[in-house]
Amino acid sequence: MSIQQEIEKAIAAHGAWKQKLRSAIDLGTSESTPDKVCKDNNCSFGKWLHERIDPSAKDSPFYPTVLKLHAQFHVAAADILTLALRGEKEKANELMGLTKDFAKYSGELTRKMKEWHDTV
């Protein structure tokens, strides 16, 4: 799969996490666990970034930034999932807010992935 395809797939998958987290908050259950979610190499994009990426792509100025933001995104998602699974809906919803880490990392990660996509 090309870099462009990996990035397109990742943007869609990470966007879907907003819905997965909202569902976990509403239902108090999830198909995943915070321990799995906090690791940035469990998702398809993370596996690509850490294992399958062409070594020359790591020379991109976008790679270190995307790698860091991707890891931060996963930690923020795991924090929300932890609260959701504990039934702490109000706190979990608060962490989903536009000024909180999850939204900031998600937005910046998407922007950087799109910029990277447009340069290759």
PDB file of N, CA and C in Angstrom:
ATOM      1  N   MET A   1       0.851  -1.172   0.000  1.00  0.00           N
ATOM      2  CA  MET A   1       0.000   0.000   0.000  1.00  0.00           C
ATOM      3  C   MET A   1       0.899   1.239   0.000  1.00  0.00           C
ATOM      4  N   SER A   2       0.519   2.266  -0.732  1.00  0.00           N
ATOM      5  CA  SER A   2       1.320   3.480  -0.830  1.00  0.00           C
ATOM      6  C   SER A   2       1.194   4.320   0.443  1.00  0.00           C
ATOM      7  N   ILE A   3       2.084   5.279   0.582  1.00  0.00           N
ATOM      8  CA  ILE A   3       2.017   6.194   1.719  1.00  0.00           C
ATOM      9  C   ILE A   3       0.668   6.915   1.713  1.00  0.00           C
ATOM     10  N   GLN A   4       0.264   7.370   0.538  1.00  0.00           N
ATOM     11  CA  GLN A   4      -1.009   8.077   0.443  1.00  0.00           C
ATOM     12  C   GLN A   4      -2.168   7.208   0.923  1.00  0.00           C
ATOM     13  N   GLN A   5      -2.191   5.952   0.505  1.00  0.00           N
ATOM     14  CA  GLN A   5      -3.270   5.047   0.913  1.00  0.00           C
ATOM     15  C   GLN A   5      -3.239   4.779   2.417  1.00  0.00           C
ATOM     16  N   GLU A   6      -2.050   4.596   2.970  1.00  0.00           N
ATOM     17  CA  GLU A   6      -1.929   4.368   4.417  1.00  0.00           C
ATOM     18  C   GLU A   6      -2.464   5.569   5.188  1.00  0.00           C
ATOM     19  N   ILE A   7      -2.103   6.758   4.729  1.00  0.00           N
ATOM     20  CA  ILE A   7      -2.544   7.971   5.416  1.00  0.00           C
ATOM     21  C   ILE A   7      -4.055   8.150   5.282  1.00  0.00           C
ATOM     22  N   GLU A   8      -4.598   7.930   4.095  1.00  0.00           N
ATOM     23  CA  GLU A   8      -6.050   8.049   3.900  1.00  0.00           C
ATOM     24  C   GLU A   8      -6.806   7.091   4.811  1.00  0.00           C
ATOM     25  N   LYS A   9      -6.320   5.873   4.877  1.00  0.00           N
ATOM     26  CA  LYS A   9      -6.951   4.856   5.726  1.00  0.00           C
ATOM     27  C   LYS A   9      -6.855   5.268   7.205  1.00  0.00           C
ATOM     28  N   ALA A  10      -5.711   5.809   7.586  1.00  0.00           N
ATOM     29  CA  ALA A  10      -5.512   6.213   8.980  1.00  0.00           C
ATOM     30  C   ALA A  10      -6.412   7.380   9.359  1.00  0.00           C
ATOM     31  N   ILE A  11      -6.566   8.348   8.472  1.00  0.00           N
ATOM     32  CA  ILE A  11      -7.433   9.487   8.762  1.00  0.00           C
ATOM     33  C   ILE A  11      -8.856   9.005   9.021  1.00  0.00           C
ATOM     34  N   ALA A  12      -9.339   8.107   8.198  1.00  0.00           N
ATOM     35  CA  ALA A  12     -10.693   7.561   8.383  1.00  0.00           C
ATOM     36  C   ALA A  12     -10.798   6.773   9.689  1.00  0.00           C
ATOM     37  N   ALA A  13      -9.817   5.933   9.975  1.00  0.00           N
ATOM     38  CA  ALA A  13      -9.859   5.096  11.177  1.00  0.00           C
ATOM     39  C   ALA A  13      -9.787   5.931  12.450  1.00  0.00           C
ATOM     40  N   HIS A  14      -8.918   6.934  12.454  1.00  0.00           N
ATOM     41  CA  HIS A  14      -8.798   7.749  13.648  1.00  0.00           C
ATOM     42  C   HIS A  14     -10.020   8.652  13.827  1.00  0.00           C
ATOM     43  N   GLY A  15     -10.624   9.056  12.730  1.00  0.00           N
ATOM     44  CA  GLY A  15     -11.882   9.797  12.826  1.00  0.00           C
ATOM     45  C   GLY A  15     -12.980   8.938  13.437  1.00  0.00           C
ATOM     46  N   ALA A  16     -12.966   7.659  13.133  1.00  0.00           N
ATOM     47  CA  ALA A  16     -13.967   6.742  13.670  1.00  0.00           C
ATOM     48  C   ALA A  16     -13.823   6.565  15.182  1.00  0.00           C
ATOM     49  N   TRP A  17     -12.650   6.855  15.714  1.00  0.00           N
ATOM     50  CA  TRP A  17     -12.448   6.710  17.153  1.00  0.00           C
ATOM     51  C   TRP A  17     -13.322   7.658  17.954  1.00  0.00           C
ATOM     52  N   LYS A  18     -13.656   8.795  17.399  1.00  0.00           N
ATOM     53  CA  LYS A  18     -14.562   9.707  18.105  1.00  0.00           C
ATOM     54  C   LYS A  18     -15.891   9.000  18.366  1.00  0.00           C
ATOM     55  N   GLN A  19     -16.401   8.321  17.356  1.00  0.00           N
ATOM     56  CA  GLN A  19     -17.666   7.603  17.520  1.00  0.00           C
ATOM     57  C   GLN A  19     -17.516   6.419  18.482  1.00  0.00           C
ATOM     58  N   LYS A  20     -16.406   5.709  18.382  1.00  0.00           N
ATOM     59  CA  LYS A  20     -16.189   4.573  19.294  1.00  0.00           C
ATOM     60  C   LYS A  20     -16.137   5.042  20.745  1.00  0.00           C
ATOM     61  N   LEU A  21     -15.474   6.169  20.972  1.00  0.00           N
ATOM     62  CA  LEU A  21     -15.392   6.690  22.337  1.00  0.00           C
ATOM     63  C   LEU A  21     -16.747   7.189  22.814  1.00  0.00           C
ATOM     64  N   ARG A  22     -17.482   7.852  21.964  1.00  0.00           N
ATOM     65  CA  ARG A  22     -18.825   8.318  22.347  1.00  0.00           C
ATOM     66  C   ARG A  22     -19.722   7.123  22.699  1.00  0.00           C
ATOM     67  N   SER A  23     -19.612   6.067  21.913  1.00  0.00           N
ATOM     68  CA  SER A  23     -20.384   4.862  22.187  1.00  0.00           C
ATOM     69  C   SER A  23     -19.970   4.247  23.519  1.00  0.00           C
ATOM     70  N   ALA A  24     -18.675   4.185  23.775  1.00  0.00           N
ATOM     71  CA  ALA A  24     -18.188   3.633  25.041  1.00  0.00           C
ATOM     72  C   ALA A  24     -18.681   4.469  26.220  1.00  0.00           C
ATOM     73  N   ILE A  25     -18.694   5.783  26.046  1.00  0.00           N
ATOM     74  CA  ILE A  25     -19.193   6.658  27.112  1.00  0.00           C
ATOM     75  C   ILE A  25     -20.676   6.385  27.354  1.00  0.00           C
ATOM     76  N   ASP A  26     -21.448   6.289  26.290  1.00  0.00           N
ATOM     77  CA  ASP A  26     -22.899   6.077  26.412  1.00  0.00           C
ATOM     78  C   ASP A  26     -23.237   4.707  26.994  1.00  0.00           C
ATOM     79  N   LEU A  27     -22.519   3.681  26.535  1.00  0.00           N
ATOM     80  CA  LEU A  27     -22.848   2.303  26.918  1.00  0.00           C
ATOM     81  C   LEU A  27     -22.058   1.776  28.108  1.00  0.00           C
ATOM     82  N   GLY A  28     -20.901   2.377  28.377  1.00  0.00           N
ATOM     83  CA  GLY A  28     -20.041   1.892  29.455  1.00  0.00           C
ATOM     84  C   GLY A  28     -19.293   0.629  29.102  1.00  0.00           C
ATOM     85  N   THR A  29     -19.276   0.280  27.810  1.00  0.00           N
ATOM     86  CA  THR A  29     -18.548  -0.900  27.351  1.00  0.00           C
ATOM     87  C   THR A  29     -17.796  -0.563  26.068  1.00  0.00           C
ATOM     88  N   SER A  30     -16.829  -1.418  25.759  1.00  0.00           N
ATOM     89  CA  SER A  30     -16.034  -1.229  24.541  1.00  0.00           C
ATOM     90  C   SER A  30     -15.467  -2.574  24.120  1.00  0.00           C
ATOM     91  N   GLU A  31     -15.234  -2.712  22.829  1.00  0.00           N
ATOM     92  CA  GLU A  31     -14.603  -3.935  22.326  1.00  0.00           C
ATOM     93  C   GLU A  31     -13.100  -3.933  22.610  1.00  0.00           C
ATOM     94  N   SER A  32     -12.572  -2.788  23.015  1.00  0.00           N
ATOM     95  CA  SER A  32     -11.147  -2.679  23.303  1.00  0.00           C
ATOM     96  C   SER A  32     -10.942  -2.335  24.778  1.00  0.00           C
ATOM     97  N   THR A  33      -9.678  -2.252  25.166  1.00  0.00           N
ATOM     98  CA  THR A  33      -9.332  -1.905  26.544  1.00  0.00           C
ATOM     99  C   THR A  33      -8.391  -0.698  26.532  1.00  0.00           C
ATOM    100  N   PRO A  34      -8.364   0.053  27.614  1.00  0.00           N
ATOM    101  CA  PRO A  34      -7.431   1.169  27.678  1.00  0.00           C
ATOM    102  C   PRO A  34      -5.964   0.739  27.499  1.00  0.00           C
ATOM    103  N   ASP A  35      -5.616  -0.435  28.007  1.00  0.00           N
ATOM    104  CA  ASP A  35      -4.239  -0.922  27.851  1.00  0.00           C
ATOM    105  C   ASP A  35      -3.867  -1.114  26.391  1.00  0.00           C
ATOM    106  N   LYS A  36      -4.803  -1.586  25.593  1.00  0.00           N
ATOM    107  CA  LYS A  36      -4.549  -1.768  24.163  1.00  0.00           C
ATOM    108  C   LYS A  36      -4.568  -0.438  23.425  1.00  0.00           C
ATOM    109  N   VAL A  37      -5.538   0.403  23.767  1.00  0.00           N
ATOM    110  CA  VAL A  37      -5.723   1.671  23.062  1.00  0.00           C
ATOM    111  C   VAL A  37      -4.540   2.616  23.287  1.00  0.00           C
ATOM    112  N   CYS A  38      -3.950   2.599  24.463  1.00  0.00           N
ATOM    113  CA  CYS A  38      -2.868   3.549  24.747  1.00  0.00           C
ATOM    114  C   CYS A  38      -1.603   3.261  23.953  1.00  0.00           C
ATOM    115  N   LYS A  39      -1.480   2.081  23.426  1.00  0.00           N
ATOM    116  CA  LYS A  39      -0.279   1.725  22.641  1.00  0.00           C
ATOM    117  C   LYS A  39      -0.490   2.142  21.186  1.00  0.00           C
ATOM    118  N   ASP A  40       0.434   2.939  20.686  1.00  0.00           N
ATOM    119  CA  ASP A  40       0.274   3.490  19.342  1.00  0.00           C
ATOM    120  C   ASP A  40       0.713   2.536  18.238  1.00  0.00           C
ATOM    121  N   ASN A  41       1.087   1.316  18.598  1.00  0.00           N
ATOM    122  CA  ASN A  41       1.492   0.356  17.566  1.00  0.00           C
ATOM    123  C   ASN A  41       0.510  -0.812  17.441  1.00  0.00           C
ATOM    124  N   ASN A  42      -0.682  -0.672  18.014  1.00  0.00           N
ATOM    125  CA  ASN A  42      -1.696  -1.730  17.909  1.00  0.00           C
ATOM    126  C   ASN A  42      -2.630  -1.540  16.724  1.00  0.00           C
ATOM    127  N   CYS A  43      -2.833  -0.295  16.299  1.00  0.00           N
ATOM    128  CA  CYS A  43      -3.719  -0.044  15.167  1.00  0.00           C
ATOM    129  C   CYS A  43      -2.947  -0.239  13.860  1.00  0.00           C
ATOM    130  N   SER A  44      -3.663  -0.321  12.783  1.00  0.00           N
ATOM    131  CA  SER A  44      -3.040  -0.557  11.482  1.00  0.00           C
ATOM    132  C   SER A  44      -2.032   0.539  11.125  1.00  0.00           C
ATOM    133  N   PHE A  45      -2.409   1.792  11.353  1.00  0.00           N
ATOM    134  CA  PHE A  45      -1.511   2.902  11.032  1.00  0.00           C
ATOM    135  C   PHE A  45      -0.265   2.847  11.905  1.00  0.00           C
ATOM    136  N   GLY A  46      -0.446   2.542  13.180  1.00  0.00           N
ATOM    137  CA  GLY A  46       0.697   2.429  14.096  1.00  0.00           C
ATOM    138  C   GLY A  46       1.634   1.311  13.691  1.00  0.00           C
ATOM    139  N   LYS A  47       1.075   0.192  13.262  1.00  0.00           N
ATOM    140  CA  LYS A  47       1.924  -0.906  12.788  1.00  0.00           C
ATOM    141  C   LYS A  47       2.697  -0.482  11.553  1.00  0.00           C
ATOM    142  N   TRP A  48       2.035   0.284  10.677  1.00  0.00           N
ATOM    143  CA  TRP A  48       2.723   0.773   9.488  1.00  0.00           C
ATOM    144  C   TRP A  48       3.831   1.740   9.897  1.00  0.00           C
ATOM    145  N   LEU A  49       3.530   2.696  10.787  1.00  0.00           N
ATOM    146  CA  LEU A  49       4.522   3.690  11.207  1.00  0.00           C
ATOM    147  C   LEU A  49       5.740   3.047  11.870  1.00  0.00           C
ATOM    148  N   HIS A  50       5.496   2.009  12.649  1.00  0.00           N
ATOM    149  CA  HIS A  50       6.586   1.398  13.415  1.00  0.00           C
ATOM    150  C   HIS A  50       7.273   0.228  12.702  1.00  0.00           C
ATOM    151  N   GLU A  51       6.543  -0.475  11.833  1.00  0.00           N
ATOM    152  CA  GLU A  51       7.076  -1.724  11.298  1.00  0.00           C
ATOM    153  C   GLU A  51       7.144  -1.787   9.770  1.00  0.00           C
ATOM    154  N   ARG A  52       6.078  -1.367   9.108  1.00  0.00           N
ATOM    155  CA  ARG A  52       5.978  -1.628   7.671  1.00  0.00           C
ATOM    156  C   ARG A  52       6.386  -0.457   6.783  1.00  0.00           C
ATOM    157  N   ILE A  53       6.579   0.693   7.360  1.00  0.00           N
ATOM    158  CA  ILE A  53       6.877   1.876   6.563  1.00  0.00           C
ATOM    159  C   ILE A  53       8.194   1.699   5.813  1.00  0.00           C
ATOM    160  N   ASP A  54       8.226   2.206   4.595  1.00  0.00           N
ATOM    161  CA  ASP A  54       9.465   2.202   3.826  1.00  0.00           C
ATOM    162  C   ASP A  54      10.474   3.067   4.579  1.00  0.00           C
ATOM    163  N   PRO A  55      11.672   2.558   4.819  1.00  0.00           N
ATOM    164  CA  PRO A  55      12.660   3.327   5.588  1.00  0.00           C
ATOM    165  C   PRO A  55      12.903   4.736   5.048  1.00  0.00           C
ATOM    166  N   SER A  56      12.798   4.922   3.744  1.00  0.00           N
ATOM    167  CA  SER A  56      13.019   6.250   3.186  1.00  0.00           C
ATOM    168  C   SER A  56      11.927   7.233   3.612  1.00  0.00           C
ATOM    169  N   ALA A  57      10.724   6.731   3.917  1.00  0.00           N
ATOM    170  CA  ALA A  57       9.629   7.601   4.352  1.00  0.00           C
ATOM    171  C   ALA A  57       9.898   8.184   5.737  1.00  0.00           C
ATOM    172  N   LYS A  58      10.746   7.518   6.507  1.00  0.00           N
ATOM    173  CA  LYS A  58      11.097   8.040   7.827  1.00  0.00           C
ATOM    174  C   LYS A  58      11.942   9.310   7.720  1.00  0.00           C
ATOM    175  N   ASP A  59      12.485   9.566   6.551  1.00  0.00           N
ATOM    176  CA  ASP A  59      13.266  10.782   6.335  1.00  0.00           C
ATOM    177  C   ASP A  59      12.384  11.999   6.112  1.00  0.00           C
ATOM    178  N   SER A  60      11.098  11.781   5.919  1.00  0.00           N
ATOM    179  CA  SER A  60      10.171  12.890   5.729  1.00  0.00           C
ATOM    180  C   SER A  60      10.157  13.765   6.979  1.00  0.00           C
ATOM    181  N   PRO A  61      10.105  15.081   6.803  1.00  0.00           N
ATOM    182  CA  PRO A  61       9.996  15.949   7.988  1.00  0.00           C
ATOM    183  C   PRO A  61       8.683  15.741   8.739  1.00  0.00           C
ATOM    184  N   PHE A  62       7.704  15.104   8.110  1.00  0.00           N
ATOM    185  CA  PHE A  62       6.415  14.854   8.752  1.00  0.00           C
ATOM    186  C   PHE A  62       6.456  13.631   9.669  1.00  0.00           C
ATOM    187  N   TYR A  63       7.348  12.699   9.387  1.00  0.00           N
ATOM    188  CA  TYR A  63       7.354  11.433  10.125  1.00  0.00           C
ATOM    189  C   TYR A  63       7.473  11.617  11.639  1.00  0.00           C
ATOM    190  N   PRO A  64       8.478  12.335  12.157  1.00  0.00           N
ATOM    191  CA  PRO A  64       8.582  12.425  13.620  1.00  0.00           C
ATOM    192  C   PRO A  64       7.392  13.124  14.268  1.00  0.00           C
ATOM    193  N   THR A  65       6.844  14.115  13.595  1.00  0.00           N
ATOM    194  CA  THR A  65       5.690  14.832  14.138  1.00  0.00           C
ATOM    195  C   THR A  65       4.463  13.934  14.164  1.00  0.00           C
ATOM    196  N   VAL A  66       4.212  13.225  13.059  1.00  0.00           N
ATOM    197  CA  VAL A  66       3.066  12.318  12.995  1.00  0.00           C
ATOM    198  C   VAL A  66       3.227  11.196  14.019  1.00  0.00           C
ATOM    199  N   LEU A  67       4.421  10.677  14.151  1.00  0.00           N
ATOM    200  CA  LEU A  67       4.683   9.609  15.119  1.00  0.00           C
ATOM    201  C   LEU A  67       4.348  10.075  16.538  1.00  0.00           C
ATOM    202  N   LYS A  68       4.804  11.272  16.895  1.00  0.00           N
ATOM    203  CA  LYS A  68       4.556  11.808  18.234  1.00  0.00           C
ATOM    204  C   LYS A  68       3.070  12.096  18.447  1.00  0.00           C
ATOM    205  N   LEU A  69       2.425  12.763  17.492  1.00  0.00           N
ATOM    206  CA  LEU A  69       1.006  13.076  17.627  1.00  0.00           C
ATOM    207  C   LEU A  69       0.152  11.817  17.680  1.00  0.00           C
ATOM    208  N   HIS A  70       0.538  10.809  16.915  1.00  0.00           N
ATOM    209  CA  HIS A  70      -0.192   9.547  16.911  1.00  0.00           C
ATOM    210  C   HIS A  70      -0.133   8.900  18.296  1.00  0.00           C
ATOM    211  N   ALA A  71       1.038   8.920  18.905  1.00  0.00           N
ATOM    212  CA  ALA A  71       1.185   8.357  20.254  1.00  0.00           C
ATOM    213  C   ALA A  71       0.355   9.154  21.263  1.00  0.00           C
ATOM    214  N   GLN A  72       0.381  10.468  21.162  1.00  0.00           N
ATOM    215  CA  GLN A  72      -0.388  11.316  22.071  1.00  0.00           C
ATOM    216  C   GLN A  72      -1.893  11.094  21.894  1.00  0.00           C
ATOM    217  N   PHE A  73      -2.327  10.930  20.654  1.00  0.00           N
ATOM    218  CA  PHE A  73      -3.731  10.632  20.352  1.00  0.00           C
ATOM    219  C   PHE A  73      -4.170   9.367  21.077  1.00  0.00           C
ATOM    220  N   HIS A  74      -3.343   8.328  21.013  1.00  0.00           N
ATOM    221  CA  HIS A  74      -3.703   7.052  21.630  1.00  0.00           C
ATOM    222  C   HIS A  74      -3.775   7.152  23.152  1.00  0.00           C
ATOM    223  N   VAL A  75      -2.868   7.886  23.756  1.00  0.00           N
ATOM    224  CA  VAL A  75      -2.888   8.055  25.211  1.00  0.00           C
ATOM    225  C   VAL A  75      -4.157   8.810  25.625  1.00  0.00           C
ATOM    226  N   ALA A  76      -4.482   9.872  24.890  1.00  0.00           N
ATOM    227  CA  ALA A  76      -5.688  10.645  25.204  1.00  0.00           C
ATOM    228  C   ALA A  76      -6.943   9.788  25.022  1.00  0.00           C
ATOM    229  N   ALA A  77      -6.994   8.987  23.976  1.00  0.00           N
ATOM    230  CA  ALA A  77      -8.145   8.102  23.757  1.00  0.00           C
ATOM    231  C   ALA A  77      -8.263   7.079  24.881  1.00  0.00           C
ATOM    232  N   ALA A  78      -7.143   6.546  25.327  1.00  0.00           N
ATOM    233  CA  ALA A  78      -7.161   5.562  26.414  1.00  0.00           C
ATOM    234  C   ALA A  78      -7.644   6.191  27.717  1.00  0.00           C
ATOM    235  N   ASP A  79      -7.268   7.442  27.961  1.00  0.00           N
ATOM    236  CA  ASP A  79      -7.738   8.135  29.167  1.00  0.00           C
ATOM    237  C   ASP A  79      -9.260   8.264  29.149  1.00  0.00           C
ATOM    238  N   ILE A  80      -9.814   8.619  27.998  1.00  0.00           N
ATOM    239  CA  ILE A  80     -11.267   8.748  27.869  1.00  0.00           C
ATOM    240  C   ILE A  80     -11.930   7.389  28.030  1.00  0.00           C
ATOM    241  N   LEU A  81     -11.366   6.370  27.401  1.00  0.00           N
ATOM    242  CA  LEU A  81     -11.940   5.031  27.496  1.00  0.00           C
ATOM    243  C   LEU A  81     -11.922   4.525  28.936  1.00  0.00           C
ATOM    244  N   THR A  82     -10.872   4.809  29.657  1.00  0.00           N
ATOM    245  CA  THR A  82     -10.792   4.406  31.065  1.00  0.00           C
ATOM    246  C   THR A  82     -11.965   4.976  31.853  1.00  0.00           C
ATOM    247  N   LEU A  83     -12.201   6.270  31.678  1.00  0.00           N
ATOM    248  CA  LEU A  83     -13.316   6.906  32.376  1.00  0.00           C
ATOM    249  C   LEU A  83     -14.657   6.336  31.925  1.00  0.00           C
ATOM    250  N   ALA A  84     -14.795   6.117  30.637  1.00  0.00           N
ATOM    251  CA  ALA A  84     -16.045   5.572  30.102  1.00  0.00           C
ATOM    252  C   ALA A  84     -16.351   4.207  30.704  1.00  0.00           C
ATOM    253  N   LEU A  85     -15.352   3.368  30.789  1.00  0.00           N
ATOM    254  CA  LEU A  85     -15.562   2.015  31.313  1.00  0.00           C
ATOM    255  C   LEU A  85     -15.820   2.012  32.817  1.00  0.00           C
ATOM    256  N   ARG A  86     -15.397   3.071  33.486  1.00  0.00           N
ATOM    257  CA  ARG A  86     -15.692   3.219  34.915  1.00  0.00           C
ATOM    258  C   ARG A  86     -17.076   3.820  35.154  1.00  0.00           C
ATOM    259  N   GLY A  87     -17.738   4.218  34.066  1.00  0.00           N
ATOM    260  CA  GLY A  87     -19.044   4.833  34.184  1.00  0.00           C
ATOM    261  C   GLY A  87     -18.986   6.320  34.510  1.00  0.00           C
ATOM    262  N   GLU A  88     -17.818   6.915  34.368  1.00  0.00           N
ATOM    263  CA  GLU A  88     -17.648   8.341  34.662  1.00  0.00           C
ATOM    264  C   GLU A  88     -17.920   9.158  33.392  1.00  0.00           C
ATOM    265  N   LYS A  89     -19.199   9.157  33.002  1.00  0.00           N
ATOM    266  CA  LYS A  89     -19.615   9.772  31.738  1.00  0.00           C
ATOM    267  C   LYS A  89     -19.288  11.259  31.670  1.00  0.00           C
ATOM    268  N   GLU A  90     -19.561  11.975  32.738  1.00  0.00           N
ATOM    269  CA  GLU A  90     -19.344  13.422  32.717  1.00  0.00           C
ATOM    270  C   GLU A  90     -17.865  13.749  32.491  1.00  0.00           C
ATOM    271  N   LYS A  91     -16.993  13.064  33.214  1.00  0.00           N
ATOM    272  CA  LYS A  91     -15.557  13.310  33.057  1.00  0.00           C
ATOM    273  C   LYS A  91     -15.079  12.888  31.665  1.00  0.00           C
ATOM    274  N   ALA A  92     -15.580  11.759  31.185  1.00  0.00           N
ATOM    275  CA  ALA A  92     -15.190  11.281  29.853  1.00  0.00           C
ATOM    276  C   ALA A  92     -15.645  12.263  28.777  1.00  0.00           C
ATOM    277  N   ASN A  93     -16.881  12.736  28.889  1.00  0.00           N
ATOM    278  CA  ASN A  93     -17.386  13.716  27.926  1.00  0.00           C
ATOM    279  C   ASN A  93     -16.586  15.014  27.979  1.00  0.00           C
ATOM    280  N   GLU A  94     -16.174  15.393  29.175  1.00  0.00           N
ATOM    281  CA  GLU A  94     -15.363  16.602  29.318  1.00  0.00           C
ATOM    282  C   GLU A  94     -14.047  16.451  28.550  1.00  0.00           C
ATOM    283  N   LEU A  95     -13.429  15.270  28.646  1.00  0.00           N
ATOM    284  CA  LEU A  95     -12.163  15.043  27.937  1.00  0.00           C
ATOM    285  C   LEU A  95     -12.336  14.971  26.423  1.00  0.00           C
ATOM    286  N   MET A  96     -13.560  14.804  25.962  1.00  0.00           N
ATOM    287  CA  MET A  96     -13.845  14.809  24.523  1.00  0.00           C
ATOM    288  C   MET A  96     -13.991  16.239  23.986  1.00  0.00           C
ATOM    289  N   GLY A  97     -14.002  17.224  24.873  1.00  0.00           N
ATOM    290  CA  GLY A  97     -14.228  18.614  24.486  1.00  0.00           C
ATOM    291  C   GLY A  97     -13.190  19.147  23.511  1.00  0.00           C
ATOM    292  N   LEU A  98     -13.595  20.176  22.777  1.00  0.00           N
ATOM    293  CA  LEU A  98     -12.754  20.733  21.715  1.00  0.00           C
ATOM    294  C   LEU A  98     -11.446  21.328  22.219  1.00  0.00           C
ATOM    295  N   THR A  99     -11.388  21.743  23.464  1.00  0.00           N
ATOM    296  CA  THR A  99     -10.162  22.346  23.983  1.00  0.00           C
ATOM    297  C   THR A  99      -9.294  21.337  24.738  1.00  0.00           C
ATOM    298  N   LYS A 100      -9.714  20.104  24.788  1.00  0.00           N
ATOM    299  CA  LYS A 100      -8.979  19.075  25.537  1.00  0.00           C
ATOM    300  C   LYS A 100      -8.000  18.338  24.632  1.00  0.00           C
ATOM    301  N   ASP A 101      -7.129  17.552  25.256  1.00  0.00           N
ATOM    302  CA  ASP A 101      -6.035  16.887  24.535  1.00  0.00           C
ATOM    303  C   ASP A 101      -6.494  16.025  23.368  1.00  0.00           C
ATOM    304  N   PHE A 102      -7.545  15.229  23.570  1.00  0.00           N
ATOM    305  CA  PHE A 102      -7.967  14.321  22.500  1.00  0.00           C
ATOM    306  C   PHE A 102      -8.288  15.092  21.226  1.00  0.00           C
ATOM    307  N   ALA A 103      -9.089  16.139  21.347  1.00  0.00           N
ATOM    308  CA  ALA A 103      -9.473  16.925  20.172  1.00  0.00           C
ATOM    309  C   ALA A 103      -8.261  17.639  19.570  1.00  0.00           C
ATOM    310  N   LYS A 104      -7.401  18.174  20.426  1.00  0.00           N
ATOM    311  CA  LYS A 104      -6.212  18.867  19.921  1.00  0.00           C
ATOM    312  C   LYS A 104      -5.297  17.912  19.164  1.00  0.00           C
ATOM    313  N   TYR A 105      -4.998  16.769  19.772  1.00  0.00           N
ATOM    314  CA  TYR A 105      -4.107  15.807  19.113  1.00  0.00           C
ATOM    315  C   TYR A 105      -4.747  15.232  17.858  1.00  0.00           C
ATOM    316  N   SER A 106      -6.037  14.951  17.924  1.00  0.00           N
ATOM    317  CA  SER A 106      -6.734  14.403  16.773  1.00  0.00           C
ATOM    318  C   SER A 106      -6.709  15.378  15.606  1.00  0.00           C
ATOM    319  N   GLY A 107      -7.029  16.635  15.880  1.00  0.00           N
ATOM    320  CA  GLY A 107      -7.035  17.641  14.823  1.00  0.00           C
ATOM    321  C   GLY A 107      -5.662  17.884  14.233  1.00  0.00           C
ATOM    322  N   GLU A 108      -4.669  18.005  15.097  1.00  0.00           N
ATOM    323  CA  GLU A 108      -3.306  18.251  14.613  1.00  0.00           C
ATOM    324  C   GLU A 108      -2.759  17.042  13.863  1.00  0.00           C
ATOM    325  N   LEU A 109      -3.052  15.842  14.354  1.00  0.00           N
ATOM    326  CA  LEU A 109      -2.617  14.628  13.661  1.00  0.00           C
ATOM    327  C   LEU A 109      -3.232  14.565  12.268  1.00  0.00           C
ATOM    328  N   THR A 110      -4.516  14.833  12.175  1.00  0.00           N
ATOM    329  CA  THR A 110      -5.174  14.809  10.866  1.00  0.00           C
ATOM    330  C   THR A 110      -4.558  15.844   9.924  1.00  0.00           C
ATOM    331  N   ARG A 111      -4.323  17.057  10.429  1.00  0.00           N
ATOM    332  CA  ARG A 111      -3.705  18.100   9.598  1.00  0.00           C
ATOM    333  C   ARG A 111      -2.328  17.674   9.090  1.00  0.00           C
ATOM    334  N   LYS A 112      -1.517  17.134   9.988  1.00  0.00           N
ATOM    335  CA  LYS A 112      -0.160  16.736   9.599  1.00  0.00           C
ATOM    336  C   LYS A 112      -0.188  15.557   8.625  1.00  0.00           C
ATOM    337  N   MET A 113      -1.108  14.621   8.838  1.00  0.00           N
ATOM    338  CA  MET A 113      -1.203  13.496   7.911  1.00  0.00           C
ATOM    339  C   MET A 113      -1.629  13.989   6.524  1.00  0.00           C
ATOM    340  N   LYS A 114      -2.547  14.946   6.480  1.00  0.00           N
ATOM    341  CA  LYS A 114      -2.980  15.492   5.186  1.00  0.00           C
ATOM    342  C   LYS A 114      -1.837  16.238   4.498  1.00  0.00           C
ATOM    343  N   GLU A 115      -1.083  17.005   5.271  1.00  0.00           N
ATOM    344  CA  GLU A 115       0.071  17.708   4.694  1.00  0.00           C
ATOM    345  C   GLU A 115       1.081  16.704   4.143  1.00  0.00           C
ATOM    346  N   TRP A 116       1.349  15.652   4.899  1.00  0.00           N
ATOM    347  CA  TRP A 116       2.287  14.620   4.466  1.00  0.00           C
ATOM    348  C   TRP A 116       1.758  13.968   3.186  1.00  0.00           C
ATOM    349  N   HIS A 117       0.488  13.634   3.203  1.00  0.00           N
ATOM    350  CA  HIS A 117      -0.168  13.020   2.036  1.00  0.00           C
ATOM    351  C   HIS A 117       0.023  13.870   0.787  1.00  0.00           C
ATOM    352  N   ASP A 118      -0.141  15.177   0.948  1.00  0.00           N
ATOM    353  CA  ASP A 118      -0.081  16.080  -0.203  1.00  0.00           C
ATOM    354  C   ASP A 118       1.338  16.307  -0.734  1.00  0.00           C
ATOM    355  N   THR A 119       2.342  15.883   0.053  1.00  0.00           N
ATOM    356  CA  THR A 119       3.730  16.113  -0.390  1.00  0.00           C
ATOM    357  C   THR A 119       4.347  14.884  -1.052  1.00  0.00           C
ATOM    358  N   VAL A 120       3.684  13.755  -0.972  1.00  0.00           N
ATOM    359  CA  VAL A 120       4.271  12.527  -1.562  1.00  0.00           C
ATOM    360  C   VAL A 120       3.602  12.164  -2.870  1.00  0.00           C
TER     361      VAL A 120
END
